């Protein structure tokens, strides 16, 4: 190979490089991109009214249980059956037996090891419909320190059905609440 051939090869390489860089420079001139000072779009959002937070609507247990169905409570109780029994004289599981719980004293099931939070209130509280409603809605919120890890029944109608079912678990069911 003589020097003329090497010059042609070097010239072709330099020409190709000049073409690539020149094309890039020309395309930047033709297709100039303007970059905004702040990237993105401004989305206008109306200010939320800064009114005082509304208190949650508290439904009385009597109104809650007005249309309660025992059969619906029996279905809801399936969530509880892993830890509780519902039959008369039934054994304790992870939780105590719930037969005749309405108007029963806190911590009254013999042979069950209650949490310290519940035993502290055992002498002064009973499982009224109001107590059961609050506890079923949010056990740890209603009775801080309880060992019950259930998240609660958030739907009012499901809780009402459960209260009606718990009321039916007795030889002489407690009277329905009037207020």
Protein backbone atom coordinates (compact mmCIF):
# COMPACT_ATOMS: atom_id res chain seq x y z
CA UNK A 1 0.00 0.00 0.00
CA UNK A 2 1.40 3.32 -1.00
CA UNK A 3 1.00 6.69 0.69
CA UNK A 4 -1.70 7.78 -1.74
CA UNK A 5 -3.96 4.95 -0.54
CA UNK A 6 -3.34 5.87 3.10
CA UNK A 7 -4.20 9.50 2.33
CA UNK A 8 -7.51 8.43 0.71
CA UNK A 9 -8.42 6.32 3.77
CA UNK A 10 -7.51 9.08 6.23
CA UNK A 11 -9.41 11.63 4.09
CA UNK A 12 -12.50 9.39 4.04
CA UNK A 13 -12.40 9.01 7.84
CA UNK A 14 -11.92 12.74 8.38
CA UNK A 15 -14.68 13.50 5.87
CA UNK A 16 -17.10 11.12 7.65
CA UNK A 17 -16.28 12.71 11.03
CA UNK A 18 -16.72 16.19 9.58
CA UNK A 19 -20.07 15.14 8.05
CA UNK A 20 -21.36 13.66 11.38
CA UNK A 21 -20.33 16.65 13.48
CA UNK A 22 -21.51 19.13 10.85
CA UNK A 23 -24.90 17.45 10.60
CA UNK A 24 -25.26 17.56 14.39
CA UNK A 25 -24.32 21.27 14.46
CA UNK A 26 -26.73 22.14 11.63
CA UNK A 27 -29.61 20.18 13.23
CA UNK A 28 -29.10 22.07 16.49
CA UNK A 29 -29.34 25.35 14.60
CA UNK A 30 -32.46 24.28 12.70
CA UNK A 31 -34.26 22.54 15.57
CA UNK A 32 -33.39 24.81 18.47
CA UNK A 33 -34.97 23.78 21.80
CA UNK A 34 -35.89 26.46 24.26
CA UNK A 35 -35.56 25.26 27.89
CA UNK A 36 -37.99 26.95 30.31
CA UNK A 37 -36.72 28.57 33.49
CA UNK A 38 -38.85 26.23 35.61
CA UNK A 39 -39.63 22.79 34.19
CA UNK A 40 -43.20 21.53 34.08
CA UNK A 41 -46.59 23.19 34.00
CA UNK A 42 -48.26 25.24 36.68
CA UNK A 43 -51.56 23.69 37.69
CA UNK A 44 -53.94 26.06 39.40
CA UNK A 45 -55.60 24.49 42.43
CA UNK A 46 -58.35 26.21 44.34
CA UNK A 47 -57.54 26.74 47.98
CA UNK A 48 -59.39 24.39 50.29
CA UNK A 49 -61.74 26.10 52.65
CA UNK A 50 -60.13 26.39 56.04
CA UNK A 51 -63.27 25.73 58.00
CA UNK A 52 -63.10 23.94 61.28
CA UNK A 53 -63.07 20.18 60.91
CA UNK A 54 -66.53 18.74 61.12
CA UNK A 55 -67.09 16.36 63.97
CA UNK A 56 -68.06 12.85 62.89
CA UNK A 57 -71.74 12.12 63.01
CA UNK A 58 -72.46 9.99 66.04
CA UNK A 59 -75.33 7.59 65.56
CA UNK A 60 -77.09 6.38 68.67
CA UNK A 61 -76.99 2.65 69.24
CA UNK A 62 -80.81 2.53 69.26
CA UNK A 63 -80.95 4.14 65.80
CA UNK A 64 -78.11 1.90 64.65
CA UNK A 65 -79.92 -1.24 65.73
CA UNK A 66 -83.34 -0.23 64.41
CA UNK A 67 -82.89 -2.27 61.23
CA UNK A 68 -80.32 -4.77 62.49
CA UNK A 69 -80.64 -8.41 61.47
CA UNK A 70 -79.41 -11.32 63.56
CA UNK A 71 -78.61 -13.32 60.40
CA UNK A 72 -76.32 -10.52 59.18
CA UNK A 73 -74.57 -10.55 62.55
CA UNK A 74 -74.13 -14.29 62.33
CA UNK A 75 -72.36 -13.80 58.98
CA UNK A 76 -70.21 -11.01 60.45
CA UNK A 77 -69.34 -13.24 63.42
CA UNK A 78 -67.46 -15.57 61.07
CA UNK A 79 -64.64 -13.02 61.18
CA UNK A 80 -64.51 -13.52 64.95
CA UNK A 81 -64.82 -17.31 65.05
CA UNK A 82 -61.08 -17.87 64.72
CA UNK A 83 -60.59 -16.40 68.20
CA UNK A 84 -64.01 -16.64 69.91
CA UNK A 85 -66.75 -19.22 70.46
CA UNK A 86 -70.41 -18.24 70.59
CA UNK A 87 -72.19 -21.26 72.06
CA UNK A 88 -73.48 -21.65 75.62
CA UNK A 89 -70.70 -23.12 77.73
CA UNK A 90 -68.25 -22.92 74.83
CA UNK A 91 -64.52 -23.05 75.43
CA UNK A 92 -62.28 -20.02 75.41
CA UNK A 93 -59.93 -19.70 72.47
CA UNK A 94 -57.52 -16.83 71.92
CA UNK A 95 -60.46 -14.67 73.03
CA UNK A 96 -63.16 -15.45 75.60
CA UNK A 97 -66.47 -17.14 74.85
CA UNK A 98 -69.05 -14.51 73.83
CA UNK A 99 -72.25 -16.24 75.00
CA UNK A 100 -74.32 -13.80 77.08
CA UNK A 101 -71.83 -10.93 76.64
CA UNK A 102 -74.40 -8.12 76.53
CA UNK A 103 -74.53 -6.48 79.99
CA UNK A 104 -71.83 -8.82 81.31
CA UNK A 105 -69.12 -7.36 83.55
CA UNK A 106 -65.73 -6.71 81.89
CA UNK A 107 -63.36 -9.63 82.45
CA UNK A 108 -66.04 -11.94 83.84
CA UNK A 109 -65.27 -15.17 81.96
CA UNK A 110 -63.62 -17.59 84.38
CA UNK A 111 -60.38 -19.13 83.21
CA UNK A 112 -59.57 -16.51 80.61
CA UNK A 113 -56.43 -14.38 80.93
CA UNK A 114 -57.61 -10.87 79.99
CA UNK A 115 -55.29 -8.00 79.04
CA UNK A 116 -54.26 -5.63 81.81
CA UNK A 117 -56.24 -2.82 80.13
CA UNK A 118 -59.44 -4.82 80.41
CA UNK A 119 -58.84 -6.19 83.90
CA UNK A 120 -58.20 -2.63 85.16
CA UNK A 121 -61.77 -1.73 84.16
CA UNK A 122 -63.39 -5.02 85.18
CA UNK A 123 -64.88 -3.74 88.43
CA UNK A 124 -66.45 -0.61 87.00
CA UNK A 125 -67.63 -1.39 83.44
CA UNK A 126 -70.06 -3.72 81.73
CA UNK A 127 -70.45 -4.66 78.08
CA UNK A 128 -73.41 -2.42 77.27
CA UNK A 129 -74.55 -1.94 73.70
CA UNK A 130 -72.63 1.37 73.61
CA UNK A 131 -69.42 -0.26 74.91
CA UNK A 132 -69.74 -3.14 72.46
CA UNK A 133 -70.43 -0.75 69.58
CA UNK A 134 -67.32 1.30 70.32
CA UNK A 135 -65.18 -1.76 70.90
CA UNK A 136 -66.37 -3.51 67.74
CA UNK A 137 -65.73 -0.39 65.67
CA UNK A 138 -62.12 0.05 66.82
CA UNK A 139 -60.95 -2.25 69.63
CA UNK A 140 -57.55 -0.64 70.22
CA UNK A 141 -58.92 2.89 69.90
CA UNK A 142 -61.82 2.25 72.27
CA UNK A 143 -59.81 0.33 74.85
CA UNK A 144 -56.11 1.23 74.54
CA UNK A 145 -53.86 -1.57 75.72
CA UNK A 146 -56.20 -4.38 74.76
CA UNK A 147 -54.54 -7.46 73.36
CA UNK A 148 -57.25 -7.87 70.72
CA UNK A 149 -55.62 -7.31 67.34
CA UNK A 150 -58.82 -7.21 65.25
CA UNK A 151 -59.09 -4.06 63.09
CA UNK A 152 -62.78 -3.61 63.84
CA UNK A 153 -66.09 -3.49 61.98
CA UNK A 154 -66.15 -0.08 60.27
CA UNK A 155 -69.55 -0.37 58.54
CA UNK A 156 -72.43 0.76 60.75
CA UNK A 157 -74.91 -1.80 59.43
CA UNK A 158 -72.47 -4.68 59.90
CA UNK A 159 -71.78 -3.55 63.48
CA UNK A 160 -75.51 -3.22 64.17
CA UNK A 161 -76.11 -6.74 62.87
CA UNK A 162 -73.28 -8.00 65.06
CA UNK A 163 -74.80 -6.30 68.13
CA UNK A 164 -78.16 -7.91 67.35
CA UNK A 165 -76.46 -11.30 67.03
CA UNK A 166 -74.56 -10.88 70.31
CA UNK A 167 -77.84 -9.88 71.97
CA UNK A 168 -79.44 -13.10 70.72
CA UNK A 169 -76.70 -15.19 72.36
CA UNK A 170 -78.50 -15.46 75.68
CA UNK A 171 -81.22 -17.44 77.37
CA UNK A 172 -82.87 -14.09 78.22
CA UNK A 173 -81.67 -11.43 75.74
CA UNK A 174 -81.05 -7.91 77.02
CA UNK A 175 -83.70 -5.32 76.09
CA UNK A 176 -82.94 -3.22 73.05
CA UNK A 177 -81.58 0.25 73.76
CA UNK A 178 -84.13 3.03 73.58
CA UNK A 179 -81.80 6.04 73.27
